[in-house]
């Protein structure tokens, strides 16, 4: 007589619908109940109830509720990867069904540091949107790196190589730097004497926490070891504004300095190190037309902006 196999405990997994995952994905991206409710055209209480029901179905907590917003738990991050792939499969099926797969449509979320986002990438992305009217680009400039592996963004632009597993990266450019000061500063102090170690020089530099990791700041300290650091900022635009108003000498990306007409370039004894620009995206998205189109466009256009 054969034994009947033991029954597994009911988890409610069979009751999960695509809408459950769609709401979950939007919550993970918006990080707030109210923001997701506005995006999906519903109410915050409805979003809260849907999240509670989904967590009950799974038997797991997906988000931690914090003052700063919703933060994915370890379980939530694991489910996010699978849900994102399901979303892409659903969208691909929809494109085929509607005959829209021949065009490039949809939304791509991209992140970078503030200054390069405003000064370099935004004009390029505006051109891209004009070329592809079916596309929508959501651009997030951030102080802390958003995660590609957790699908917080589709594409990231950074000044260092990406270290996470599962990512594809491309060097898309190299930004030259220059030494700059205002006419008022140069009139008051004169051009710097590189042979004197900068005893009479006021410098503008990165915050102390970043100073040892930024090549151009190291260059400044090497050539002006006796200089006074008059102003520090982790904002490139902040440094440029301080230099334009006479605070001191600043090493700045040339494309940023051009946005400040008051700045004057200063010839240097040795070249200032340039900064490589890296673009990264998750390997699972490399075949997605909307992501690939943005990647290829930026890789083609960025090298021409130095």
Protein backbone atom coordinates (compact mmCIF):
# COMPACT_ATOMS: atom_id res chain seq x y z
CA UNK A 1 0.00 0.00 0.00
CA UNK A 2 1.53 3.28 -1.09
CA UNK A 3 1.79 6.15 1.30
CA UNK A 4 0.19 9.46 0.54
CA UNK A 5 2.89 12.16 0.43
CA UNK A 6 2.67 14.70 3.25
CA UNK A 7 0.85 17.89 2.41
CA UNK A 8 2.83 21.12 2.39
CA UNK A 9 1.53 23.93 4.56
CA UNK A 10 -0.59 26.44 2.68
CA UNK A 11 1.20 29.71 2.05
CA UNK A 12 -1.24 31.52 -0.19
CA UNK A 13 1.35 31.70 -2.98
CA UNK A 14 -1.18 30.44 -5.50
CA UNK A 15 -3.26 33.54 -4.78
CA UNK A 16 -0.52 35.96 -5.88
CA UNK A 17 -1.51 37.98 -8.95
CA UNK A 18 0.52 40.19 -11.28
CA UNK A 19 -1.09 43.25 -9.67
CA UNK A 20 0.48 42.23 -6.35
CA UNK A 21 3.92 42.36 -7.93
CA UNK A 22 3.14 45.55 -9.86
CA UNK A 23 2.21 47.38 -6.66
CA UNK A 24 5.26 45.91 -4.91
CA UNK A 25 7.59 47.09 -7.70
CA UNK A 26 6.24 50.62 -7.56
CA UNK A 27 6.54 50.73 -3.78
CA UNK A 28 10.16 49.58 -4.05
CA UNK A 29 10.92 52.34 -6.55
CA UNK A 30 8.97 55.19 -4.94
CA UNK A 31 9.88 54.18 -1.35
CA UNK A 32 6.66 55.68 0.00
CA UNK A 33 3.00 54.72 0.20
CA UNK A 34 1.78 58.22 -0.67
CA UNK A 35 4.15 58.62 -3.64
CA UNK A 36 3.15 55.24 -5.05
CA UNK A 37 -0.52 56.01 -4.52
CA UNK A 38 -0.19 59.24 -6.53
CA UNK A 39 1.70 57.45 -9.30
CA UNK A 40 -0.88 54.66 -9.58
CA UNK A 41 -3.91 56.89 -9.12
CA UNK A 42 -5.10 55.39 -5.85
CA UNK A 43 -5.03 56.32 -2.15
CA UNK A 44 -2.48 55.79 0.59
CA UNK A 45 -4.84 53.60 2.72
CA UNK A 46 -5.45 51.41 -0.33
CA UNK A 47 -1.70 51.06 -0.89
CA UNK A 48 -1.18 50.18 2.77
CA UNK A 49 -3.89 47.50 2.65
CA UNK A 50 -2.49 46.01 -0.56
CA UNK A 51 1.00 45.82 0.93
CA UNK A 52 -0.28 44.17 4.11
CA UNK A 53 -2.26 41.64 2.07
CA UNK A 54 0.72 40.82 -0.14
CA UNK A 55 3.01 40.34 2.86
CA UNK A 56 0.36 38.13 4.45
CA UNK A 57 0.15 36.00 1.28
CA UNK A 58 3.92 35.55 1.24
CA UNK A 59 4.27 35.12 4.96
CA UNK A 60 7.16 37.58 4.96
CA UNK A 61 7.88 41.24 5.68
CA UNK A 62 8.97 43.02 2.50
CA UNK A 63 9.59 46.56 3.77
CA UNK A 64 10.81 48.22 6.93
CA UNK A 65 8.84 51.36 7.74
CA UNK A 66 11.33 54.12 8.55
CA UNK A 67 10.99 57.93 8.91
CA UNK A 68 12.84 58.31 5.61
CA UNK A 69 10.40 55.99 3.83
CA UNK A 70 10.04 52.33 2.93
CA UNK A 71 13.23 50.27 2.91
CA UNK A 72 13.35 46.79 1.40
CA UNK A 73 14.16 43.89 3.72
CA UNK A 74 16.52 41.14 2.55
CA UNK A 75 13.48 39.12 1.47
CA UNK A 76 12.07 42.13 -0.35
CA UNK A 77 15.31 42.65 -2.28
CA UNK A 78 15.34 39.03 -3.40
CA UNK A 79 11.73 39.22 -4.56
CA UNK A 80 12.45 42.54 -6.32
CA UNK A 81 14.88 40.91 -8.76
CA UNK A 82 12.32 38.26 -9.74
CA UNK A 83 9.46 40.76 -9.92
CA UNK A 84 11.48 43.09 -12.16
CA UNK A 85 12.18 40.24 -14.58
CA UNK A 86 8.50 39.32 -14.57
CA UNK A 87 7.62 42.94 -15.30
CA UNK A 88 9.97 43.04 -18.27
CA UNK A 89 8.55 39.78 -19.60
CA UNK A 90 5.02 41.17 -19.22
CA UNK A 91 5.99 44.40 -21.00
CA UNK A 92 7.68 42.44 -23.80
CA UNK A 93 4.54 40.38 -24.27
CA UNK A 94 2.47 43.54 -24.32
CA UNK A 95 4.72 45.12 -26.96
CA UNK A 96 4.37 42.06 -29.17
CA UNK A 97 0.60 41.93 -28.69
CA UNK A 98 0.17 45.62 -29.56
CA UNK A 99 2.67 45.62 -32.40
CA UNK A 100 4.83 48.23 -30.64
CA UNK A 101 7.96 46.11 -30.38
CA UNK A 102 9.42 47.72 -33.50
CA UNK A 103 9.82 51.08 -31.76
CA UNK A 104 11.71 52.19 -28.65
CA UNK A 105 9.22 53.01 -25.92
CA UNK A 106 8.94 52.97 -22.14
CA UNK A 107 10.73 54.50 -19.16
CA UNK A 108 14.41 54.34 -18.27
CA UNK A 109 15.61 55.45 -14.83
CA UNK A 110 19.14 56.87 -14.67
CA UNK A 111 21.32 58.32 -11.90
CA UNK A 112 24.56 60.29 -11.59
CA UNK A 113 26.27 62.87 -9.42
CA UNK A 114 24.55 66.27 -9.32
CA UNK A 115 26.94 68.43 -11.32
CA UNK A 116 27.51 66.07 -14.26
CA UNK A 117 23.79 65.34 -14.29
CA UNK A 118 22.89 69.01 -14.61
CA UNK A 119 25.75 70.20 -16.80
CA UNK A 120 26.45 67.23 -19.09
CA UNK A 121 23.86 64.47 -19.02
CA UNK A 122 20.60 66.45 -18.91
CA UNK A 123 21.28 68.26 -22.23
CA UNK A 124 22.20 64.93 -23.82
CA UNK A 125 19.12 63.19 -22.48
CA UNK A 126 16.92 66.03 -23.69
CA UNK A 127 18.31 65.41 -27.19
CA UNK A 128 17.65 61.69 -26.78
CA UNK A 129 14.02 62.30 -25.78
CA UNK A 130 13.54 64.49 -28.86
CA UNK A 131 14.90 61.70 -31.05
CA UNK A 132 12.68 59.06 -29.37
CA UNK A 133 9.29 60.61 -28.51
CA UNK A 134 7.99 57.27 -27.23
CA UNK A 135 10.63 57.19 -24.50
CA UNK A 136 10.50 58.67 -21.00
CA UNK A 137 13.68 59.29 -19.00
CA UNK A 138 13.56 59.61 -15.22
CA UNK A 139 16.82 61.19 -14.07
CA UNK A 140 17.81 61.08 -10.39
CA UNK A 141 20.90 62.96 -9.19
CA UNK A 142 22.02 61.67 -5.85
CA UNK A 143 24.59 62.04 -3.10
CA UNK A 144 24.49 58.31 -2.35
CA UNK A 145 24.81 55.74 -5.09
CA UNK A 146 21.49 54.13 -5.97
CA UNK A 147 21.69 50.40 -6.57
CA UNK A 148 21.64 48.78 -9.99
CA UNK A 149 21.54 45.30 -8.49
CA UNK A 150 18.40 46.15 -6.50
CA UNK A 151 16.86 47.74 -9.62
CA UNK A 152 16.57 51.16 -7.99
CA UNK A 153 17.76 52.51 -11.36
CA UNK A 154 18.36 51.05 -14.82
CA UNK A 155 21.57 52.95 -15.62
CA UNK A 156 24.18 54.67 -13.43
CA UNK A 157 26.99 57.05 -14.42
CA UNK A 158 29.94 57.19 -12.00
CA UNK A 159 33.58 58.32 -11.81
CA UNK A 160 34.82 54.95 -10.52
CA UNK A 161 34.50 51.43 -11.84
CA UNK A 162 31.53 49.40 -10.61
CA UNK A 163 32.39 46.58 -8.20
CA UNK A 164 29.06 44.73 -7.82
CA UNK A 165 28.53 41.36 -9.46
CA UNK A 166 26.05 41.01 -12.30
CA UNK A 167 26.72 44.43 -13.82
CA UNK A 168 27.94 45.44 -17.26
CA UNK A 169 30.08 48.57 -17.40
CA UNK A 170 31.54 50.75 -20.13
CA UNK A 171 33.97 53.64 -20.01
CA UNK A 172 32.10 56.35 -21.89
CA UNK A 173 34.46 59.30 -21.58
CA UNK A 174 37.26 61.07 -19.78
CA UNK A 175 36.76 64.58 -18.41
CA UNK A 176 39.78 66.91 -18.43
CA UNK A 177 40.33 69.22 -15.45
CA UNK A 178 41.88 72.69 -15.21
CA UNK A 179 43.02 75.14 -12.55
CA UNK A 180 40.80 78.22 -12.21
CA UNK A 181 40.47 81.45 -10.26
CA UNK A 182 38.57 84.73 -10.53
CA UNK A 183 40.11 87.94 -11.93
CA UNK A 184 39.67 89.51 -8.48
CA UNK A 185 41.68 86.77 -6.80
CA UNK A 186 44.45 86.96 -9.41
CA UNK A 187 44.59 90.75 -9.11
CA UNK A 188 44.95 90.54 -5.34
CA UNK A 189 47.39 87.59 -5.13
CA UNK A 190 48.83 87.20 -8.60
CA UNK A 191 49.31 83.96 -10.52
CA UNK A 192 50.57 81.10 -8.34
CA UNK A 193 54.28 80.34 -8.21
CA UNK A 194 54.56 76.57 -8.45
CA UNK A 195 58.16 76.67 -7.19
CA UNK A 196 57.21 78.24 -3.86
CA UNK A 197 54.82 75.50 -2.69
CA UNK A 198 51.86 77.85 -2.56
CA UNK A 199 52.69 79.75 0.64
CA UNK A 200 50.59 82.69 -0.58
CA UNK A 201 47.86 80.58 -2.22
CA UNK A 202 44.27 80.00 -1.06
CA UNK A 203 42.83 76.70 -2.27
CA UNK A 204 39.33 75.35 -2.84
CA UNK A 205 39.13 71.59 -2.29
CA UNK A 206 36.88 68.63 -1.66
CA UNK A 207 35.63 67.84 1.85
CA UNK A 208 38.29 66.25 4.05
CA UNK A 209 36.55 62.85 3.92
CA UNK A 210 36.96 62.77 0.12
CA UNK A 211 40.28 64.57 -0.21
CA UNK A 212 42.46 61.44 -0.23
CA UNK A 213 40.34 59.65 -2.82
CA UNK A 214 40.05 62.43 -5.43
CA UNK A 215 42.97 62.67 -7.84
CA UNK A 216 42.77 66.41 -8.53
CA UNK A 217 42.71 67.25 -4.81
CA UNK A 218 45.84 65.16 -4.37
CA UNK A 219 47.37 67.11 -7.27
CA UNK A 220 46.58 70.39 -5.53
CA UNK A 221 48.19 69.30 -2.26
CA UNK A 222 51.23 67.94 -4.10
CA UNK A 223 51.89 71.20 -5.95
CA UNK A 224 50.80 73.58 -3.18
CA UNK A 225 51.79 71.85 0.07
CA UNK A 226 52.06 75.17 1.93
CA UNK A 227 48.77 76.62 0.72
CA UNK A 228 45.83 77.56 2.94
CA UNK A 229 42.62 75.66 2.19
CA UNK A 230 40.09 78.46 2.28
CA UNK A 231 36.99 76.56 1.21
CA UNK A 232 35.90 72.91 1.10
CA UNK A 233 32.83 71.42 -0.55
CA UNK A 234 31.70 68.07 -1.91
CA UNK A 235 29.68 70.04 -4.50
CA UNK A 236 31.49 70.78 -7.75
CA UNK A 237 29.13 73.66 -8.48
CA UNK A 238 29.79 74.93 -4.96
CA UNK A 239 33.52 74.90 -5.61
CA UNK A 240 33.10 76.66 -8.95
CA UNK A 241 30.87 79.35 -7.42
CA UNK A 242 33.37 79.93 -4.59
CA UNK A 243 36.24 80.25 -7.07
CA UNK A 244 34.24 82.61 -9.31
CA UNK A 245 33.65 84.83 -6.27
CA UNK A 246 37.32 85.04 -5.32
CA UNK A 247 37.74 82.42 -2.58
CA UNK A 248 40.79 80.81 -4.15
CA UNK A 249 42.15 78.41 -6.77
CA UNK A 250 40.04 75.39 -7.73
CA UNK A 251 40.62 72.28 -9.83
CA UNK A 252 37.45 71.89 -11.85
CA UNK A 253 36.18 69.87 -14.83
CA UNK A 254 36.67 72.06 -17.87
CA UNK A 255 33.09 71.53 -19.04
CA UNK A 256 31.82 72.81 -15.66
CA UNK A 257 34.19 75.79 -15.54
CA UNK A 258 32.88 76.97 -18.92
CA UNK A 259 29.49 77.54 -17.25
CA UNK A 260 31.10 80.23 -15.01
CA UNK A 261 32.24 83.15 -17.23
CA UNK A 262 34.01 84.82 -14.29
CA UNK A 263 36.58 82.03 -14.03
CA UNK A 264 40.00 82.31 -15.65
CA UNK A 265 42.11 79.28 -16.57
CA UNK A 266 45.63 79.12 -15.13
CA UNK A 267 48.51 77.36 -16.88
CA UNK A 268 49.91 74.53 -14.75
CA UNK A 269 53.42 73.13 -14.39
CA UNK A 270 52.18 69.54 -14.85
CA UNK A 271 48.89 68.18 -16.24
CA UNK A 272 46.00 67.76 -13.82
CA UNK A 273 44.65 64.17 -13.79
CA UNK A 274 41.47 63.68 -15.79
CA UNK A 275 38.49 61.67 -14.48
CA UNK A 276 37.16 58.62 -16.31
CA UNK A 277 33.39 58.35 -16.66
CA UNK A 278 31.84 54.88 -16.29
CA UNK A 279 28.36 53.79 -17.25
CA UNK A 280 26.88 50.68 -15.63
CA UNK A 281 23.71 48.63 -16.04
CA UNK A 282 22.53 45.19 -14.96
CA UNK A 283 23.42 42.37 -17.33
CA UNK A 284 19.79 41.18 -17.28
CA UNK A 285 18.73 44.44 -18.96
CA UNK A 286 21.33 44.59 -21.73
CA UNK A 287 18.91 43.17 -24.33
CA UNK A 288 16.05 45.50 -23.37
CA UNK A 289 15.72 47.97 -26.28
CA UNK A 290 14.86 51.03 -24.19
CA UNK A 291 17.84 50.52 -21.85
CA UNK A 292 20.21 49.62 -24.66
CA UNK A 293 19.20 52.69 -26.66
CA UNK A 294 20.14 55.06 -23.81
CA UNK A 295 23.40 53.20 -23.12
CA UNK A 296 24.46 53.32 -26.77
CA UNK A 297 23.48 56.98 -27.14
CA UNK A 298 25.49 58.12 -24.11
CA UNK A 299 28.46 55.95 -25.06
CA UNK A 300 28.48 57.56 -28.51
CA UNK A 301 27.98 61.18 -27.40
CA UNK A 302 29.93 61.52 -24.14
CA UNK A 303 33.46 61.29 -25.62
CA UNK A 304 32.75 64.40 -27.72
CA UNK A 305 32.03 66.65 -24.70
CA UNK A 306 35.47 67.00 -23.14
